[in-house]
């Protein structure tokens, strides 16, 4: 049965979607942008600072389902420019360790609230 996962330690959904949805041993997390969960404001102006906040938000959503980064099977990274790839990747590598999840990274024309990076994850037990 599908369960909605929500936590106050990650930014609240700003539209008609859930922070995450669990189904059996799988967790499907909505994309996280670098919002401070307390203020609702974007954190940082550079992609490294923003990527760190995104990872903290992902960590909080995973924890709400008693999971960690080690449970992540697949990520999708959205960047507003591939020029930020190396800086994002350095932050990403501090949070995701071997065996690494599968990953796609794409450049997009824009992200909500002017964010430079958004990451969504799928996790499983």
PDB file of N, CA and C in Angstrom:
ATOM      1  N   UNK A   1       0.836  -1.188   0.000  1.00  0.00           N
ATOM      2  CA  UNK A   1       0.000   0.000   0.000  1.00  0.00           C
ATOM      3  C   UNK A   1       0.879   1.249   0.000  1.00  0.00           C
ATOM      4  N   UNK A   2       0.494   2.218  -0.751  1.00  0.00           N
ATOM      5  CA  UNK A   2       1.229   3.473  -0.868  1.00  0.00           C
ATOM      6  C   UNK A   2       1.082   4.297   0.411  1.00  0.00           C
ATOM      7  N   UNK A   3       2.244   4.828   0.887  1.00  0.00           N
ATOM      8  CA  UNK A   3       2.249   5.687   2.076  1.00  0.00           C
ATOM      9  C   UNK A   3       2.937   7.003   1.741  1.00  0.00           C
ATOM     10  N   UNK A   4       2.389   8.099   2.235  1.00  0.00           N
ATOM     11  CA  UNK A   4       3.013   9.403   2.079  1.00  0.00           C
ATOM     12  C   UNK A   4       4.040   9.592   3.195  1.00  0.00           C
ATOM     13  N   UNK A   5       5.232  10.060   2.819  1.00  0.00           N
ATOM     14  CA  UNK A   5       6.295  10.347   3.780  1.00  0.00           C
ATOM     15  C   UNK A   5       6.438  11.860   3.854  1.00  0.00           C
ATOM     16  N   UNK A   6       6.400  12.397   5.061  1.00  0.00           N
ATOM     17  CA  UNK A   6       6.540  13.838   5.255  1.00  0.00           C
ATOM     18  C   UNK A   6       7.311  14.103   6.539  1.00  0.00           C
ATOM     19  N   UNK A   7       8.127  15.151   6.518  1.00  0.00           N
ATOM     20  CA  UNK A   7       8.892  15.539   7.687  1.00  0.00           C
ATOM     21  C   UNK A   7       9.053  17.047   7.727  1.00  0.00           C
ATOM     22  N   UNK A   8       9.087  17.606   8.930  1.00  0.00           N
ATOM     23  CA  UNK A   8       9.315  19.041   9.093  1.00  0.00           C
ATOM     24  C   UNK A   8      10.790  19.399   8.948  1.00  0.00           C
ATOM     25  N   UNK A   9      11.681  18.399   8.893  1.00  0.00           N
ATOM     26  CA  UNK A   9      13.112  18.666   8.780  1.00  0.00           C
ATOM     27  C   UNK A   9      13.562  18.834   7.328  1.00  0.00           C
ATOM     28  N   UNK A  10      12.621  18.760   6.399  1.00  0.00           N
ATOM     29  CA  UNK A  10      12.866  19.055   4.985  1.00  0.00           C
ATOM     30  C   UNK A  10      11.810  20.068   4.552  1.00  0.00           C
ATOM     31  N   UNK A  11      12.087  20.791   3.473  1.00  0.00           N
ATOM     32  CA  UNK A  11      11.097  21.781   3.017  1.00  0.00           C
ATOM     33  C   UNK A  11       9.751  21.144   2.713  1.00  0.00           C
ATOM     34  N   UNK A  12       8.708  21.831   3.091  1.00  0.00           N
ATOM     35  CA  UNK A  12       7.354  21.358   2.804  1.00  0.00           C
ATOM     36  C   UNK A  12       7.116  21.399   1.297  1.00  0.00           C
ATOM     37  N   UNK A  13       6.286  20.511   0.814  1.00  0.00           N
ATOM     38  CA  UNK A  13       5.901  20.524  -0.588  1.00  0.00           C
ATOM     39  C   UNK A  13       5.221  21.856  -0.898  1.00  0.00           C
ATOM     40  N   UNK A  14       5.583  22.464  -2.016  1.00  0.00           N
ATOM     41  CA  UNK A  14       5.025  23.766  -2.363  1.00  0.00           C
ATOM     42  C   UNK A  14       3.963  23.653  -3.454  1.00  0.00           C
ATOM     43  N   UNK A  15       3.437  22.470  -3.620  1.00  0.00           N
ATOM     44  CA  UNK A  15       2.407  22.238  -4.625  1.00  0.00           C
ATOM     45  C   UNK A  15       1.677  20.953  -4.319  1.00  0.00           C
ATOM     46  N   UNK A  16       0.907  20.458  -5.268  1.00  0.00           N
ATOM     47  CA  UNK A  16       0.135  19.238  -5.053  1.00  0.00           C
ATOM     48  C   UNK A  16       0.985  17.979  -5.263  1.00  0.00           C
ATOM     49  N   UNK A  17       1.957  17.793  -4.385  1.00  0.00           N
ATOM     50  CA  UNK A  17       2.810  16.606  -4.411  1.00  0.00           C
ATOM     51  C   UNK A  17       3.296  16.307  -2.997  1.00  0.00           C
ATOM     52  N   UNK A  18       3.869  15.142  -2.804  1.00  0.00           N
ATOM     53  CA  UNK A  18       4.388  14.713  -1.503  1.00  0.00           C
ATOM     54  C   UNK A  18       5.905  14.836  -1.485  1.00  0.00           C
ATOM     55  N   UNK A  19       6.472  15.007  -0.293  1.00  0.00           N
ATOM     56  CA  UNK A  19       7.936  14.976  -0.173  1.00  0.00           C
ATOM     57  C   UNK A  19       8.465  13.641  -0.681  1.00  0.00           C
ATOM     58  N   UNK A  20       7.742  12.576  -0.343  1.00  0.00           N
ATOM     59  CA  UNK A  20       8.113  11.239  -0.809  1.00  0.00           C
ATOM     60  C   UNK A  20       6.903  10.326  -0.673  1.00  0.00           C
ATOM     61  N   UNK A  21       6.954   9.233  -1.440  1.00  0.00           N
ATOM     62  CA  UNK A  21       5.922   8.207  -1.372  1.00  0.00           C
ATOM     63  C   UNK A  21       6.634   6.864  -1.253  1.00  0.00           C
ATOM     64  N   UNK A  22       6.215   6.066  -0.273  1.00  0.00           N
ATOM     65  CA  UNK A  22       6.774   4.733  -0.085  1.00  0.00           C
ATOM     66  C   UNK A  22       5.776   3.704  -0.591  1.00  0.00           C
ATOM     67  N   UNK A  23       6.317   2.684  -1.232  1.00  0.00           N
ATOM     68  CA  UNK A  23       5.515   1.555  -1.694  1.00  0.00           C
ATOM     69  C   UNK A  23       6.356   0.310  -1.453  1.00  0.00           C
ATOM     70  N   UNK A  24       5.933  -0.501  -0.502  1.00  0.00           N
ATOM     71  CA  UNK A  24       6.728  -1.669  -0.141  1.00  0.00           C
ATOM     72  C   UNK A  24       8.099  -1.228   0.341  1.00  0.00           C
ATOM     73  N   UNK A  25       9.144  -1.777  -0.270  1.00  0.00           N
ATOM     74  CA  UNK A  25      10.517  -1.453   0.121  1.00  0.00           C
ATOM     75  C   UNK A  25      11.107  -0.296  -0.671  1.00  0.00           C
ATOM     76  N   UNK A  26      10.300   0.357  -1.504  1.00  0.00           N
ATOM     77  CA  UNK A  26      10.794   1.453  -2.338  1.00  0.00           C
ATOM     78  C   UNK A  26      10.327   2.804  -1.808  1.00  0.00           C
ATOM     79  N   UNK A  27      11.183   3.815  -1.996  1.00  0.00           N
ATOM     80  CA  UNK A  27      10.854   5.186  -1.626  1.00  0.00           C
ATOM     81  C   UNK A  27      11.134   6.074  -2.830  1.00  0.00           C
ATOM     82  N   UNK A  28      10.133   6.812  -3.256  1.00  0.00           N
ATOM     83  CA  UNK A  28      10.247   7.728  -4.387  1.00  0.00           C
ATOM     84  C   UNK A  28      10.197   9.140  -3.826  1.00  0.00           C
ATOM     85  N   UNK A  29      11.326   9.842  -3.896  1.00  0.00           N
ATOM     86  CA  UNK A  29      11.418  11.181  -3.318  1.00  0.00           C
ATOM     87  C   UNK A  29      11.226  12.248  -4.387  1.00  0.00           C
ATOM     88  N   UNK A  30      10.449  13.255  -4.049  1.00  0.00           N
ATOM     89  CA  UNK A  30      10.304  14.412  -4.934  1.00  0.00           C
ATOM     90  C   UNK A  30      11.660  15.103  -5.037  1.00  0.00           C
ATOM     91  N   UNK A  31      11.881  15.793  -6.142  1.00  0.00           N
ATOM     92  CA  UNK A  31      13.117  16.549  -6.299  1.00  0.00           C
ATOM     93  C   UNK A  31      13.249  17.584  -5.199  1.00  0.00           C
ATOM     94  N   UNK A  32      14.463  17.706  -4.688  1.00  0.00           N
ATOM     95  CA  UNK A  32      14.746  18.691  -3.649  1.00  0.00           C
ATOM     96  C   UNK A  32      15.563  19.822  -4.245  1.00  0.00           C
ATOM     97  N   UNK A  33      15.149  21.045  -3.934  1.00  0.00           N
ATOM     98  CA  UNK A  33      15.943  22.219  -4.274  1.00  0.00           C
ATOM     99  C   UNK A  33      16.519  22.760  -2.964  1.00  0.00           C
ATOM    100  N   UNK A  34      17.427  23.725  -3.024  1.00  0.00           N
ATOM    101  CA  UNK A  34      18.130  24.165  -1.817  1.00  0.00           C
ATOM    102  C   UNK A  34      17.329  25.109  -0.921  1.00  0.00           C
ATOM    103  N   UNK A  35      16.169  24.663  -0.495  1.00  0.00           N
ATOM    104  CA  UNK A  35      15.362  25.471   0.418  1.00  0.00           C
ATOM    105  C   UNK A  35      15.715  25.144   1.854  1.00  0.00           C
ATOM    106  N   UNK A  36      15.839  26.169   2.659  1.00  0.00           N
ATOM    107  CA  UNK A  36      15.986  25.994   4.098  1.00  0.00           C
ATOM    108  C   UNK A  36      14.624  25.552   4.622  1.00  0.00           C
ATOM    109  N   UNK A  37      14.545  24.413   5.334  1.00  0.00           N
ATOM    110  CA  UNK A  37      13.237  23.932   5.788  1.00  0.00           C
ATOM    111  C   UNK A  37      12.559  24.858   6.796  1.00  0.00           C
ATOM    112  N   UNK A  38      13.320  25.697   7.468  1.00  0.00           N
ATOM    113  CA  UNK A  38      12.742  26.596   8.464  1.00  0.00           C
ATOM    114  C   UNK A  38      12.210  27.879   7.836  1.00  0.00           C
ATOM    115  N   UNK A  39      13.030  28.485   6.960  1.00  0.00           N
ATOM    116  CA  UNK A  39      12.641  29.774   6.381  1.00  0.00           C
ATOM    117  C   UNK A  39      11.931  29.655   5.047  1.00  0.00           C
ATOM    118  N   UNK A  40      12.131  28.529   4.351  1.00  0.00           N
ATOM    119  CA  UNK A  40      11.562  28.363   3.026  1.00  0.00           C
ATOM    120  C   UNK A  40      12.308  29.144   1.955  1.00  0.00           C
ATOM    121  N   UNK A  41      13.467  29.692   2.309  1.00  0.00           N
ATOM    122  CA  UNK A  41      14.257  30.480   1.367  1.00  0.00           C
ATOM    123  C   UNK A  41      15.389  29.651   0.772  1.00  0.00           C
ATOM    124  N   UNK A  42      15.816  30.022  -0.444  1.00  0.00           N
ATOM    125  CA  UNK A  42      16.964  29.386  -1.095  1.00  0.00           C
ATOM    126  C   UNK A  42      18.214  29.648  -0.258  1.00  0.00           C
ATOM    127  N   UNK A  43      19.021  28.609  -0.091  1.00  0.00           N
ATOM    128  CA  UNK A  43      20.285  28.717   0.643  1.00  0.00           C
ATOM    129  C   UNK A  43      21.424  28.816  -0.366  1.00  0.00           C
ATOM    130  N   UNK A  44      22.244  29.859  -0.243  1.00  0.00           N
ATOM    131  CA  UNK A  44      23.445  29.995  -1.059  1.00  0.00           C
ATOM    132  C   UNK A  44      23.195  30.517  -2.456  1.00  0.00           C
ATOM    133  N   UNK A  45      24.257  31.081  -3.020  1.00  0.00           N
ATOM    134  CA  UNK A  45      24.170  31.608  -4.384  1.00  0.00           C
ATOM    135  C   UNK A  45      25.027  30.802  -5.349  1.00  0.00           C
ATOM    136  N   UNK A  46      25.893  29.920  -4.822  1.00  0.00           N
ATOM    137  CA  UNK A  46      26.728  29.080  -5.685  1.00  0.00           C
ATOM    138  C   UNK A  46      26.216  27.648  -5.641  1.00  0.00           C
ATOM    139  N   UNK A  47      26.537  26.884  -6.671  1.00  0.00           N
ATOM    140  CA  UNK A  47      25.992  25.536  -6.785  1.00  0.00           C
ATOM    141  C   UNK A  47      26.498  24.608  -5.689  1.00  0.00           C
ATOM    142  N   UNK A  48      27.708  24.786  -5.198  1.00  0.00           N
ATOM    143  CA  UNK A  48      28.222  23.899  -4.142  1.00  0.00           C
ATOM    144  C   UNK A  48      27.413  24.072  -2.856  1.00  0.00           C
ATOM    145  N   UNK A  49      27.166  25.302  -2.461  1.00  0.00           N
ATOM    146  CA  UNK A  49      26.371  25.562  -1.252  1.00  0.00           C
ATOM    147  C   UNK A  49      24.955  25.047  -1.440  1.00  0.00           C
ATOM    148  N   UNK A  50      24.403  25.281  -2.617  1.00  0.00           N
ATOM    149  CA  UNK A  50      23.053  24.817  -2.889  1.00  0.00           C
ATOM    150  C   UNK A  50      22.982  23.296  -2.905  1.00  0.00           C
ATOM    151  N   UNK A  51      23.965  22.638  -3.508  1.00  0.00           N
ATOM    152  CA  UNK A  51      23.973  21.173  -3.550  1.00  0.00           C
ATOM    153  C   UNK A  51      24.067  20.583  -2.144  1.00  0.00           C
ATOM    154  N   UNK A  52      24.829  21.220  -1.280  1.00  0.00           N
ATOM    155  CA  UNK A  52      24.927  20.748   0.108  1.00  0.00           C
ATOM    156  C   UNK A  52      23.565  20.815   0.789  1.00  0.00           C
ATOM    157  N   UNK A  53      22.832  21.911   0.605  1.00  0.00           N
ATOM    158  CA  UNK A  53      21.493  22.021   1.212  1.00  0.00           C
ATOM    159  C   UNK A  53      20.550  20.991   0.620  1.00  0.00           C
ATOM    160  N   UNK A  54      20.638  20.778  -0.686  1.00  0.00           N
ATOM    161  CA  UNK A  54      19.806  19.755  -1.338  1.00  0.00           C
ATOM    162  C   UNK A  54      20.077  18.398  -0.694  1.00  0.00           C
ATOM    163  N   UNK A  55      21.346  18.067  -0.487  1.00  0.00           N
ATOM    164  CA  UNK A  55      21.688  16.772   0.124  1.00  0.00           C
ATOM    165  C   UNK A  55      21.178  16.676   1.554  1.00  0.00           C
ATOM    166  N   UNK A  56      21.220  17.775   2.297  1.00  0.00           N
ATOM    167  CA  UNK A  56      20.671  17.766   3.661  1.00  0.00           C
ATOM    168  C   UNK A  56      19.160  17.538   3.625  1.00  0.00           C
ATOM    169  N   UNK A  57      18.485  18.129   2.649  1.00  0.00           N
ATOM    170  CA  UNK A  57      17.038  17.927   2.515  1.00  0.00           C
ATOM    171  C   UNK A  57      16.721  16.482   2.141  1.00  0.00           C
ATOM    172  N   UNK A  58      17.510  15.904   1.233  1.00  0.00           N
ATOM    173  CA  UNK A  58      17.319  14.496   0.861  1.00  0.00           C
ATOM    174  C   UNK A  58      17.543  13.610   2.077  1.00  0.00           C
ATOM    175  N   UNK A  59      18.593  13.887   2.831  1.00  0.00           N
ATOM    176  CA  UNK A  59      18.906  13.105   4.038  1.00  0.00           C
ATOM    177  C   UNK A  59      17.713  13.109   4.999  1.00  0.00           C
ATOM    178  N   UNK A  60      17.073  14.263   5.173  1.00  0.00           N
ATOM    179  CA  UNK A  60      15.926  14.377   6.076  1.00  0.00           C
ATOM    180  C   UNK A  60      14.736  13.555   5.583  1.00  0.00           C
ATOM    181  N   UNK A  61      14.476  13.594   4.278  1.00  0.00           N
ATOM    182  CA  UNK A  61      13.357  12.819   3.729  1.00  0.00           C
ATOM    183  C   UNK A  61      13.639  11.323   3.857  1.00  0.00           C
ATOM    184  N   UNK A  62      14.860  10.912   3.555  1.00  0.00           N
ATOM    185  CA  UNK A  62      15.224   9.499   3.718  1.00  0.00           C
ATOM    186  C   UNK A  62      15.054   9.068   5.172  1.00  0.00           C
ATOM    187  N   UNK A  63      15.529   9.894   6.100  1.00  0.00           N
ATOM    188  CA  UNK A  63      15.445   9.561   7.531  1.00  0.00           C
ATOM    189  C   UNK A  63      13.995   9.410   7.988  1.00  0.00           C
ATOM    190  N   UNK A  64      13.097  10.165   7.388  1.00  0.00           N
ATOM    191  CA  UNK A  64      11.672  10.064   7.747  1.00  0.00           C
ATOM    192  C   UNK A  64      11.114   8.693   7.406  1.00  0.00           C
ATOM    193  N   UNK A  65      11.810   7.954   6.556  1.00  0.00           N
ATOM    194  CA  UNK A  65      11.413   6.582   6.224  1.00  0.00           C
ATOM    195  C   UNK A  65      12.457   5.588   6.726  1.00  0.00           C
ATOM    196  N   UNK A  66      13.236   6.017   7.724  1.00  0.00           N
ATOM    197  CA  UNK A  66      14.280   5.186   8.335  1.00  0.00           C
ATOM    198  C   UNK A  66      15.258   4.654   7.291  1.00  0.00           C
ATOM    199  N   UNK A  67      15.695   5.558   6.396  1.00  0.00           N
ATOM    200  CA  UNK A  67      16.666   5.223   5.356  1.00  0.00           C
ATOM    201  C   UNK A  67      17.816   6.220   5.397  1.00  0.00           C
ATOM    202  N   UNK A  68      18.899   5.866   4.718  1.00  0.00           N
ATOM    203  CA  UNK A  68      20.068   6.736   4.584  1.00  0.00           C
ATOM    204  C   UNK A  68      20.464   6.793   3.108  1.00  0.00           C
ATOM    205  N   UNK A  69      21.516   7.537   2.822  1.00  0.00           N
ATOM    206  CA  UNK A  69      22.019   7.608   1.451  1.00  0.00           C
ATOM    207  C   UNK A  69      22.404   6.232   0.918  1.00  0.00           C
ATOM    208  N   UNK A  70      22.771   5.322   1.804  1.00  0.00           N
ATOM    209  CA  UNK A  70      23.167   3.981   1.356  1.00  0.00           C
ATOM    210  C   UNK A  70      21.999   3.208   0.738  1.00  0.00           C
ATOM    211  N   UNK A  71      20.780   3.642   0.989  1.00  0.00           N
ATOM    212  CA  UNK A  71      19.595   2.991   0.415  1.00  0.00           C
ATOM    213  C   UNK A  71      19.240   3.510  -0.980  1.00  0.00           C
ATOM    214  N   UNK A  72      19.879   4.588  -1.402  1.00  0.00           N
ATOM    215  CA  UNK A  72      19.525   5.215  -2.678  1.00  0.00           C
ATOM    216  C   UNK A  72      19.988   4.347  -3.840  1.00  0.00           C
ATOM    217  N   UNK A  73      19.049   4.063  -4.733  1.00  0.00           N
ATOM    218  CA  UNK A  73      19.302   3.232  -5.911  1.00  0.00           C
ATOM    219  C   UNK A  73      19.564   4.063  -7.157  1.00  0.00           C
ATOM    220  N   UNK A  74      18.871   5.195  -7.281  1.00  0.00           N
ATOM    221  CA  UNK A  74      18.939   6.009  -8.500  1.00  0.00           C
ATOM    222  C   UNK A  74      18.749   7.467  -8.145  1.00  0.00           C
ATOM    223  N   UNK A  75      19.535   8.337  -8.774  1.00  0.00           N
ATOM    224  CA  UNK A  75      19.363   9.776  -8.614  1.00  0.00           C
ATOM    225  C   UNK A  75      19.212  10.418  -9.990  1.00  0.00           C
ATOM    226  N   UNK A  76      18.524  11.531  -9.998  1.00  0.00           N
ATOM    227  CA  UNK A  76      18.489  12.387 -11.171  1.00  0.00           C
ATOM    228  C   UNK A  76      18.867  13.781 -10.702  1.00  0.00           C
ATOM    229  N   UNK A  77      19.900  14.338 -11.326  1.00  0.00           N
ATOM    230  CA  UNK A  77      20.399  15.665 -10.979  1.00  0.00           C
ATOM    231  C   UNK A  77      20.019  16.618 -12.108  1.00  0.00           C
ATOM    232  N   UNK A  78      19.425  17.737 -11.737  1.00  0.00           N
ATOM    233  CA  UNK A  78      19.062  18.779 -12.685  1.00  0.00           C
ATOM    234  C   UNK A  78      19.925  20.000 -12.389  1.00  0.00           C
ATOM    235  N   UNK A  79      20.643  20.480 -13.383  1.00  0.00           N
ATOM    236  CA  UNK A  79      21.483  21.667 -13.252  1.00  0.00           C
ATOM    237  C   UNK A  79      21.024  22.709 -14.266  1.00  0.00           C
ATOM    238  N   UNK A  80      21.126  23.987 -13.917  1.00  0.00           N
ATOM    239  CA  UNK A  80      20.764  25.026 -14.879  1.00  0.00           C
ATOM    240  C   UNK A  80      21.894  25.273 -15.870  1.00  0.00           C
ATOM    241  N   UNK A  81      23.093  24.777 -15.572  1.00  0.00           N
ATOM    242  CA  UNK A  81      24.200  24.831 -16.520  1.00  0.00           C
ATOM    243  C   UNK A  81      25.172  23.691 -16.218  1.00  0.00           C
ATOM    244  N   UNK A  82      25.650  23.038 -17.246  1.00  0.00           N
ATOM    245  CA  UNK A  82      26.636  21.971 -17.057  1.00  0.00           C
ATOM    246  C   UNK A  82      27.985  22.524 -16.598  1.00  0.00           C
ATOM    247  N   UNK A  83      28.150  23.841 -16.640  1.00  0.00           N
ATOM    248  CA  UNK A  83      29.362  24.456 -16.093  1.00  0.00           C
ATOM    249  C   UNK A  83      29.475  24.199 -14.591  1.00  0.00           C
ATOM    250  N   UNK A  84      28.352  23.896 -13.939  1.00  0.00           N
ATOM    251  CA  UNK A  84      28.335  23.631 -12.492  1.00  0.00           C
ATOM    252  C   UNK A  84      28.527  22.160 -12.156  1.00  0.00           C
ATOM    253  N   UNK A  85      28.731  21.320 -13.162  1.00  0.00           N
ATOM    254  CA  UNK A  85      28.799  19.873 -12.931  1.00  0.00           C
ATOM    255  C   UNK A  85      29.888  19.491 -11.933  1.00  0.00           C
ATOM    256  N   UNK A  86      31.108  19.967 -12.113  1.00  0.00           N
ATOM    257  CA  UNK A  86      32.226  19.571 -11.244  1.00  0.00           C
ATOM    258  C   UNK A  86      31.983  19.976  -9.789  1.00  0.00           C
ATOM    259  N   UNK A  87      31.491  21.176  -9.569  1.00  0.00           N
ATOM    260  CA  UNK A  87      31.231  21.639  -8.206  1.00  0.00           C
ATOM    261  C   UNK A  87      30.117  20.828  -7.551  1.00  0.00           C
ATOM    262  N   UNK A  88      29.053  20.557  -8.300  1.00  0.00           N
ATOM    263  CA  UNK A  88      27.971  19.725  -7.770  1.00  0.00           C
ATOM    264  C   UNK A  88      28.490  18.322  -7.475  1.00  0.00           C
ATOM    265  N   UNK A  89      29.279  17.781  -8.398  1.00  0.00           N
ATOM    266  CA  UNK A  89      29.775  16.415  -8.262  1.00  0.00           C
ATOM    267  C   UNK A  89      30.655  16.250  -7.025  1.00  0.00           C
ATOM    268  N   UNK A  90      31.423  17.266  -6.682  1.00  0.00           N
ATOM    269  CA  UNK A  90      32.278  17.211  -5.484  1.00  0.00           C
ATOM    270  C   UNK A  90      31.423  17.089  -4.223  1.00  0.00           C
ATOM    271  N   UNK A  91      30.344  17.833  -4.160  1.00  0.00           N
ATOM    272  CA  UNK A  91      29.428  17.740  -3.003  1.00  0.00           C
ATOM    273  C   UNK A  91      28.727  16.387  -3.015  1.00  0.00           C
ATOM    274  N   UNK A  92      28.235  15.987  -4.151  1.00  0.00           N
ATOM    275  CA  UNK A  92      27.532  14.706  -4.321  1.00  0.00           C
ATOM    276  C   UNK A  92      28.400  13.559  -3.809  1.00  0.00           C
ATOM    277  N   UNK A  93      29.680  13.570  -4.164  1.00  0.00           N
ATOM    278  CA  UNK A  93      30.600  12.486  -3.797  1.00  0.00           C
ATOM    279  C   UNK A  93      30.825  12.395  -2.290  1.00  0.00           C
ATOM    280  N   UNK A  94      30.572  13.451  -1.551  1.00  0.00           N
ATOM    281  CA  UNK A  94      30.701  13.406  -0.087  1.00  0.00           C
ATOM    282  C   UNK A  94      29.508  12.703   0.566  1.00  0.00           C
ATOM    283  N   UNK A  95      28.395  12.640  -0.137  1.00  0.00           N
ATOM    284  CA  UNK A  95      27.175  12.058   0.429  1.00  0.00           C
ATOM    285  C   UNK A  95      26.870  10.660  -0.096  1.00  0.00           C
ATOM    286  N   UNK A  96      27.195  10.412  -1.340  1.00  0.00           N
ATOM    287  CA  UNK A  96      26.922   9.117  -1.955  1.00  0.00           C
ATOM    288  C   UNK A  96      28.239   8.366  -2.092  1.00  0.00           C
ATOM    289  N   UNK A  97      28.287   7.158  -1.519  1.00  0.00           N
ATOM    290  CA  UNK A  97      29.513   6.375  -1.530  1.00  0.00           C
ATOM    291  C   UNK A  97      29.281   5.049  -2.248  1.00  0.00           C
ATOM    292  N   UNK A  98      30.366   4.344  -2.498  1.00  0.00           N
ATOM    293  CA  UNK A  98      30.264   3.051  -3.187  1.00  0.00           C
ATOM    294  C   UNK A  98      29.499   2.050  -2.353  1.00  0.00           C
ATOM    295  N   UNK A  99      28.711   1.216  -2.956  1.00  0.00           N
ATOM    296  CA  UNK A  99      28.403   1.216  -4.380  1.00  0.00           C
ATOM    297  C   UNK A  99      27.474   2.385  -4.714  1.00  0.00           C
ATOM    298  N   UNK A 100      27.898   3.210  -5.671  1.00  0.00           N
ATOM    299  CA  UNK A 100      27.155   4.417  -6.019  1.00  0.00           C
ATOM    300  C   UNK A 100      25.807   4.067  -6.646  1.00  0.00           C
ATOM    301  N   UNK A 101      24.814   4.922  -6.418  1.00  0.00           N
ATOM    302  CA  UNK A 101      23.546   4.720  -7.113  1.00  0.00           C
ATOM    303  C   UNK A 101      23.714   5.028  -8.602  1.00  0.00           C
ATOM    304  N   UNK A 102      22.828   4.517  -9.415  1.00  0.00           N
ATOM    305  CA  UNK A 102      22.770   4.926 -10.815  1.00  0.00           C
ATOM    306  C   UNK A 102      22.399   6.410 -10.826  1.00  0.00           C
ATOM    307  N   UNK A 103      22.849   7.126 -11.870  1.00  0.00           N
ATOM    308  CA  UNK A 103      22.577   8.570 -11.889  1.00  0.00           C
ATOM    309  C   UNK A 103      22.416   9.072 -13.312  1.00  0.00           C
ATOM    310  N   UNK A 104      21.511  10.014 -13.457  1.00  0.00           N
ATOM    311  CA  UNK A 104      21.382  10.807 -14.674  1.00  0.00           C
ATOM    312  C   UNK A 104      21.590  12.253 -14.267  1.00  0.00           C
ATOM    313  N   UNK A 105      22.266  13.016 -15.112  1.00  0.00           N
ATOM    314  CA  UNK A 105      22.437  14.450 -14.875  1.00  0.00           C
ATOM    315  C   UNK A 105      22.062  15.180 -16.153  1.00  0.00           C
ATOM    316  N   UNK A 106      21.172  16.142 -16.024  1.00  0.00           N
ATOM    317  CA  UNK A 106      20.719  16.885 -17.189  1.00  0.00           C
ATOM    318  C   UNK A 106      20.747  18.380 -16.917  1.00  0.00           C
ATOM    319  N   UNK A 107      20.967  19.144 -17.974  1.00  0.00           N
ATOM    320  CA  UNK A 107      20.868  20.601 -17.889  1.00  0.00           C
ATOM    321  C   UNK A 107      19.448  20.993 -18.288  1.00  0.00           C
ATOM    322  N   UNK A 108      18.898  21.925 -17.542  1.00  0.00           N
ATOM    323  CA  UNK A 108      17.532  22.375 -17.775  1.00  0.00           C
ATOM    324  C   UNK A 108      17.514  23.902 -17.938  1.00  0.00           C
ATOM    325  N   UNK A 109      16.457  24.405 -18.544  1.00  0.00           N
ATOM    326  CA  UNK A 109      16.351  25.843 -18.779  1.00  0.00           C
ATOM    327  C   UNK A 109      16.139  26.628 -17.483  1.00  0.00           C
ATOM    328  N   UNK A 110      15.544  26.002 -16.488  1.00  0.00           N
ATOM    329  CA  UNK A 110      15.291  26.687 -15.229  1.00  0.00           C
ATOM    330  C   UNK A 110      14.769  25.725 -14.186  1.00  0.00           C
ATOM    331  N   UNK A 111      14.896  26.130 -12.926  1.00  0.00           N
ATOM    332  CA  UNK A 111      14.411  25.343 -11.788  1.00  0.00           C
ATOM    333  C   UNK A 111      13.571  26.243 -10.896  1.00  0.00           C
ATOM    334  N   UNK A 112      12.710  25.661 -10.063  1.00  0.00           N
ATOM    335  CA  UNK A 112      11.867  26.467  -9.180  1.00  0.00           C
ATOM    336  C   UNK A 112      12.688  27.412  -8.293  1.00  0.00           C
ATOM    337  N   UNK A 113      12.143  28.596  -8.098  1.00  0.00           N
ATOM    338  CA  UNK A 113      12.707  29.605  -7.191  1.00  0.00           C
ATOM    339  C   UNK A 113      14.102  30.068  -7.597  1.00  0.00           C
ATOM    340  N   UNK A 114      14.502  29.812  -8.848  1.00  0.00           N
ATOM    341  CA  UNK A 114      15.816  30.245  -9.309  1.00  0.00           C
ATOM    342  C   UNK A 114      16.960  29.380  -8.817  1.00  0.00           C
ATOM    343  N   UNK A 115      16.655  28.181  -8.331  1.00  0.00           N
ATOM    344  CA  UNK A 115      17.704  27.270  -7.851  1.00  0.00           C
ATOM    345  C   UNK A 115      18.639  26.894  -8.996  1.00  0.00           C
ATOM    346  N   UNK A 116      19.874  26.566  -8.642  1.00  0.00           N
ATOM    347  CA  UNK A 116      20.864  26.116  -9.620  1.00  0.00           C
ATOM    348  C   UNK A 116      20.902  24.604  -9.744  1.00  0.00           C
ATOM    349  N   UNK A 117      20.362  23.892  -8.730  1.00  0.00           N
ATOM    350  CA  UNK A 117      20.424  22.434  -8.714  1.00  0.00           C
ATOM    351  C   UNK A 117      19.181  21.868  -8.044  1.00  0.00           C
ATOM    352  N   UNK A 118      18.734  20.729  -8.550  1.00  0.00           N
ATOM    353  CA  UNK A 118      17.654  19.951  -7.947  1.00  0.00           C
ATOM    354  C   UNK A 118      18.057  18.482  -8.094  1.00  0.00           C
ATOM    355  N   UNK A 119      17.807  17.700  -7.048  1.00  0.00           N
ATOM    356  CA  UNK A 119      18.126  16.267  -7.098  1.00  0.00           C
ATOM    357  C   UNK A 119      16.919  15.492  -6.584  1.00  0.00           C
ATOM    358  N   UNK A 120      16.552  14.452  -7.343  1.00  0.00           N
ATOM    359  CA  UNK A 120      15.519  13.522  -6.890  1.00  0.00           C
ATOM    360  C   UNK A 120      16.153  12.154  -6.733  1.00  0.00           C
ATOM    361  N   UNK A 121      15.616  11.380  -5.809  1.00  0.00           N
ATOM    362  CA  UNK A 121      16.165  10.042  -5.560  1.00  0.00           C
ATOM    363  C   UNK A 121      15.060   9.014  -5.442  1.00  0.00           C
ATOM    364  N   UNK A 122      15.444   7.774  -5.770  1.00  0.00           N
ATOM    365  CA  UNK A 122      14.631   6.595  -5.517  1.00  0.00           C
ATOM    366  C   UNK A 122      15.485   5.689  -4.640  1.00  0.00           C
ATOM    367  N   UNK A 123      14.906   5.225  -3.542  1.00  0.00           N
ATOM    368  CA  UNK A 123      15.648   4.395  -2.600  1.00  0.00           C
ATOM    369  C   UNK A 123      14.901   3.080  -2.359  1.00  0.00           C
ATOM    370  N   UNK A 124      15.634   2.092  -1.892  1.00  0.00           N
ATOM    371  CA  UNK A 124      15.025   0.796  -1.608  1.00  0.00           C
ATOM    372  C   UNK A 124      15.773   0.057  -0.534  1.00  0.00           C
ATOM    373  N   UNK A 125      15.077  -0.865   0.107  1.00  0.00           N
ATOM    374  CA  UNK A 125      15.711  -1.699   1.151  1.00  0.00           C
ATOM    375  C   UNK A 125      16.148  -3.012   0.557  1.00  0.00           C
TER     376      UNK A 125
END
